[in-house]
Amino acid sequence: SYHWINIGVSADPHSFQNPFKMLLENYNEDDLIVVKLDIDANDIELEFLRQIMVNTQLQKLIDQLYWENNSVFGMGSDQEIT
């Protein structure tokens, strides 16, 4: 089935508004999961990317990740994914 979930989000991994918490609780590796990360708030987007990078279970769940980098890396920005 197809689910379009368009609600407010929270980067807090324990929040019910964290989309990755919902993915981890409701889906498995057999499901096709496509994530489009487009929040237009760099601090939140980078935190979500960090959560993917450190959580191997999330990495296994997400089949495709689409993300537009709105940061200005290398041009005076001090933001980085750690």
N, C-alpha and C. Protein backbone atom coordinates (compact mmCIF):
# COMPACT_ATOMS: atom_id res chain seq x y z
N SER A 1 0.84 -1.18 0.00
CA SER A 1 0.00 0.00 0.00
C SER A 1 0.88 1.25 0.00
N TYR A 2 0.29 2.36 -0.26
CA TYR A 2 0.99 3.63 -0.40
C TYR A 2 0.56 4.56 0.74
N HIS A 3 1.53 5.14 1.43
CA HIS A 3 1.23 6.05 2.53
C HIS A 3 1.94 7.37 2.28
N TRP A 4 1.21 8.45 2.33
CA TRP A 4 1.77 9.80 2.23
C TRP A 4 1.56 10.43 3.59
N ILE A 5 2.64 10.71 4.28
CA ILE A 5 2.53 11.24 5.64
C ILE A 5 3.10 12.65 5.63
N ASN A 6 2.24 13.64 5.71
CA ASN A 6 2.64 15.03 5.60
C ASN A 6 2.18 15.77 6.86
N ILE A 7 3.00 15.67 7.91
CA ILE A 7 2.67 16.30 9.19
C ILE A 7 3.90 17.03 9.71
N GLY A 8 3.73 17.81 10.76
CA GLY A 8 4.87 18.43 11.42
C GLY A 8 5.80 17.37 11.97
N VAL A 9 7.07 17.71 12.10
CA VAL A 9 8.05 16.74 12.56
C VAL A 9 8.84 17.27 13.74
N SER A 10 9.45 16.32 14.44
CA SER A 10 10.38 16.63 15.51
C SER A 10 11.61 15.78 15.30
N ALA A 11 12.78 16.37 15.47
CA ALA A 11 14.02 15.62 15.33
C ALA A 11 14.35 14.81 16.59
N ASP A 12 13.58 14.99 17.64
CA ASP A 12 13.78 14.21 18.87
C ASP A 12 13.48 12.74 18.56
N PRO A 13 14.45 11.86 18.69
CA PRO A 13 14.23 10.45 18.34
C PRO A 13 13.12 9.76 19.13
N HIS A 14 12.72 10.31 20.26
CA HIS A 14 11.70 9.69 21.10
C HIS A 14 10.31 10.30 20.88
N SER A 15 10.23 11.34 20.08
CA SER A 15 8.95 12.02 19.85
C SER A 15 8.06 11.22 18.89
N PHE A 16 6.76 11.26 19.14
CA PHE A 16 5.83 10.61 18.22
C PHE A 16 5.82 11.32 16.87
N GLN A 17 6.37 12.52 16.81
CA GLN A 17 6.43 13.27 15.55
C GLN A 17 7.74 13.03 14.79
N ASN A 18 8.56 12.12 15.28
CA ASN A 18 9.77 11.76 14.55
C ASN A 18 9.40 10.69 13.54
N PRO A 19 9.51 10.97 12.24
CA PRO A 19 9.08 9.99 11.24
C PRO A 19 9.89 8.70 11.28
N PHE A 20 11.14 8.76 11.70
CA PHE A 20 11.95 7.55 11.75
C PHE A 20 11.51 6.65 12.89
N LYS A 21 11.04 7.22 13.98
CA LYS A 21 10.48 6.41 15.07
C LYS A 21 9.29 5.61 14.55
N MET A 22 8.43 6.29 13.77
CA MET A 22 7.27 5.63 13.20
C MET A 22 7.68 4.52 12.24
N LEU A 23 8.71 4.77 11.42
CA LEU A 23 9.18 3.74 10.49
C LEU A 23 9.69 2.52 11.26
N LEU A 24 10.50 2.78 12.27
CA LEU A 24 11.08 1.68 13.04
C LEU A 24 10.02 0.84 13.76
N GLU A 25 8.93 1.47 14.18
CA GLU A 25 7.89 0.78 14.94
C GLU A 25 6.88 0.05 14.06
N ASN A 26 6.75 0.45 12.79
CA ASN A 26 5.64 -0.05 11.99
C ASN A 26 6.02 -0.78 10.70
N TYR A 27 7.29 -0.74 10.32
CA TYR A 27 7.66 -1.32 9.03
C TYR A 27 8.86 -2.24 9.19
N ASN A 28 9.10 -3.06 8.17
CA ASN A 28 10.24 -3.97 8.21
C ASN A 28 10.98 -3.90 6.88
N GLU A 29 12.05 -4.67 6.77
CA GLU A 29 12.92 -4.62 5.59
C GLU A 29 12.24 -5.09 4.32
N ASP A 30 11.13 -5.81 4.42
CA ASP A 30 10.40 -6.27 3.24
C ASP A 30 9.56 -5.16 2.62
N ASP A 31 9.32 -4.09 3.35
CA ASP A 31 8.54 -2.97 2.84
C ASP A 31 9.43 -2.06 1.99
N LEU A 32 8.85 -1.49 0.97
CA LEU A 32 9.55 -0.50 0.15
C LEU A 32 9.36 0.86 0.82
N ILE A 33 10.47 1.46 1.27
CA ILE A 33 10.40 2.74 1.98
C ILE A 33 11.24 3.76 1.22
N VAL A 34 10.56 4.81 0.78
CA VAL A 34 11.20 5.92 0.08
C VAL A 34 11.02 7.15 0.96
N VAL A 35 12.12 7.82 1.30
CA VAL A 35 12.07 8.99 2.17
C VAL A 35 12.51 10.20 1.34
N LYS A 36 11.66 11.21 1.33
CA LYS A 36 12.02 12.50 0.75
C LYS A 36 12.17 13.48 1.91
N LEU A 37 13.39 13.90 2.15
CA LEU A 37 13.69 14.79 3.27
C LEU A 37 13.82 16.20 2.73
N ASP A 38 12.78 17.01 2.97
CA ASP A 38 12.75 18.38 2.45
C ASP A 38 12.00 19.24 3.46
N ILE A 39 12.71 19.67 4.49
CA ILE A 39 12.08 20.42 5.57
C ILE A 39 12.41 21.91 5.49
N ASP A 40 13.45 22.27 4.76
CA ASP A 40 13.91 23.65 4.62
C ASP A 40 14.32 24.27 5.95
N ALA A 41 14.79 23.43 6.83
CA ALA A 41 15.39 23.86 8.10
C ALA A 41 16.63 23.01 8.27
N ASN A 42 17.78 23.59 7.94
CA ASN A 42 19.01 22.80 7.88
C ASN A 42 19.32 22.06 9.17
N ASP A 43 19.10 22.69 10.32
CA ASP A 43 19.44 22.01 11.57
C ASP A 43 18.61 20.75 11.76
N ILE A 44 17.34 20.78 11.39
CA ILE A 44 16.48 19.60 11.53
C ILE A 44 16.85 18.55 10.48
N GLU A 45 17.05 18.97 9.24
CA GLU A 45 17.43 18.02 8.19
C GLU A 45 18.73 17.31 8.54
N LEU A 46 19.72 18.06 9.00
CA LEU A 46 21.00 17.46 9.34
C LEU A 46 20.87 16.48 10.51
N GLU A 47 20.00 16.79 11.45
CA GLU A 47 19.78 15.86 12.57
C GLU A 47 19.13 14.57 12.07
N PHE A 48 18.18 14.67 11.16
CA PHE A 48 17.58 13.47 10.60
C PHE A 48 18.61 12.65 9.83
N LEU A 49 19.47 13.29 9.07
CA LEU A 49 20.53 12.58 8.35
C LEU A 49 21.48 11.90 9.34
N ARG A 50 21.81 12.58 10.42
CA ARG A 50 22.67 11.99 11.44
C ARG A 50 22.01 10.74 12.02
N GLN A 51 20.71 10.81 12.27
CA GLN A 51 20.00 9.65 12.82
C GLN A 51 20.08 8.46 11.88
N ILE A 52 20.00 8.70 10.59
CA ILE A 52 20.13 7.61 9.62
C ILE A 52 21.55 7.05 9.66
N MET A 53 22.53 7.94 9.72
CA MET A 53 23.93 7.52 9.67
C MET A 53 24.34 6.66 10.88
N VAL A 54 23.73 6.88 12.03
CA VAL A 54 24.14 6.14 13.23
C VAL A 54 23.24 4.95 13.54
N ASN A 55 22.15 4.78 12.80
CA ASN A 55 21.20 3.72 13.10
C ASN A 55 21.16 2.72 11.94
N THR A 56 21.82 1.59 12.12
CA THR A 56 21.87 0.61 11.04
C THR A 56 20.49 0.02 10.73
N GLN A 57 19.61 -0.04 11.72
CA GLN A 57 18.25 -0.53 11.46
C GLN A 57 17.51 0.40 10.51
N LEU A 58 17.67 1.71 10.69
CA LEU A 58 17.07 2.68 9.76
C LEU A 58 17.68 2.54 8.37
N GLN A 59 18.99 2.37 8.31
CA GLN A 59 19.66 2.21 7.03
C GLN A 59 19.12 1.01 6.27
N LYS A 60 18.81 -0.06 6.97
CA LYS A 60 18.27 -1.26 6.32
C LYS A 60 16.83 -1.06 5.87
N LEU A 61 16.09 -0.23 6.58
CA LEU A 61 14.68 0.00 6.23
C LEU A 61 14.52 0.90 5.00
N ILE A 62 15.34 1.93 4.90
CA ILE A 62 15.16 2.94 3.85
C ILE A 62 15.78 2.45 2.55
N ASP A 63 14.91 2.28 1.53
CA ASP A 63 15.38 1.82 0.23
C ASP A 63 15.91 2.96 -0.63
N GLN A 64 15.27 4.10 -0.56
CA GLN A 64 15.69 5.28 -1.32
C GLN A 64 15.55 6.50 -0.42
N LEU A 65 16.56 7.37 -0.48
CA LEU A 65 16.54 8.62 0.28
C LEU A 65 16.78 9.77 -0.69
N TYR A 66 15.85 10.70 -0.73
CA TYR A 66 15.99 11.90 -1.54
C TYR A 66 16.11 13.09 -0.60
N TRP A 67 17.14 13.90 -0.82
CA TRP A 67 17.41 15.03 0.05
C TRP A 67 18.07 16.13 -0.76
N GLU A 68 17.53 17.32 -0.68
CA GLU A 68 18.15 18.48 -1.31
C GLU A 68 19.00 19.19 -0.28
N ASN A 69 20.29 19.27 -0.55
CA ASN A 69 21.20 19.92 0.38
C ASN A 69 21.03 21.43 0.27
N ASN A 70 20.42 22.03 1.30
CA ASN A 70 20.22 23.47 1.33
C ASN A 70 21.33 24.19 2.08
N SER A 71 22.32 23.44 2.54
CA SER A 71 23.43 24.03 3.30
C SER A 71 24.41 24.68 2.34
N VAL A 72 25.28 25.46 2.93
CA VAL A 72 26.30 26.16 2.15
C VAL A 72 27.66 25.63 2.59
N PHE A 73 27.84 24.32 2.50
CA PHE A 73 29.09 23.71 2.92
C PHE A 73 30.24 24.31 2.12
N GLY A 74 31.33 24.58 2.80
CA GLY A 74 32.52 25.08 2.14
C GLY A 74 32.48 26.56 1.82
N MET A 75 31.42 27.22 2.19
CA MET A 75 31.30 28.64 1.89
C MET A 75 31.02 29.42 3.18
N GLY A 76 31.77 29.09 4.22
CA GLY A 76 31.62 29.81 5.46
C GLY A 76 30.67 29.18 6.45
N SER A 77 30.04 28.08 6.06
CA SER A 77 29.11 27.41 6.96
C SER A 77 29.89 26.55 7.96
N ASP A 78 29.46 26.54 9.20
CA ASP A 78 30.10 25.69 10.20
C ASP A 78 29.25 24.44 10.46
N GLN A 79 28.19 24.21 9.67
CA GLN A 79 27.35 23.04 9.88
C GLN A 79 28.02 21.81 9.26
N GLU A 80 27.95 20.72 9.98
CA GLU A 80 28.44 19.46 9.46
C GLU A 80 27.65 18.33 10.10
N ILE A 81 27.64 17.21 9.46
CA ILE A 81 26.96 16.03 9.99
C ILE A 81 28.00 15.25 10.75
N THR A 82 27.75 15.03 12.04
CA THR A 82 28.71 14.27 12.85
C THR A 82 28.08 13.03 13.42
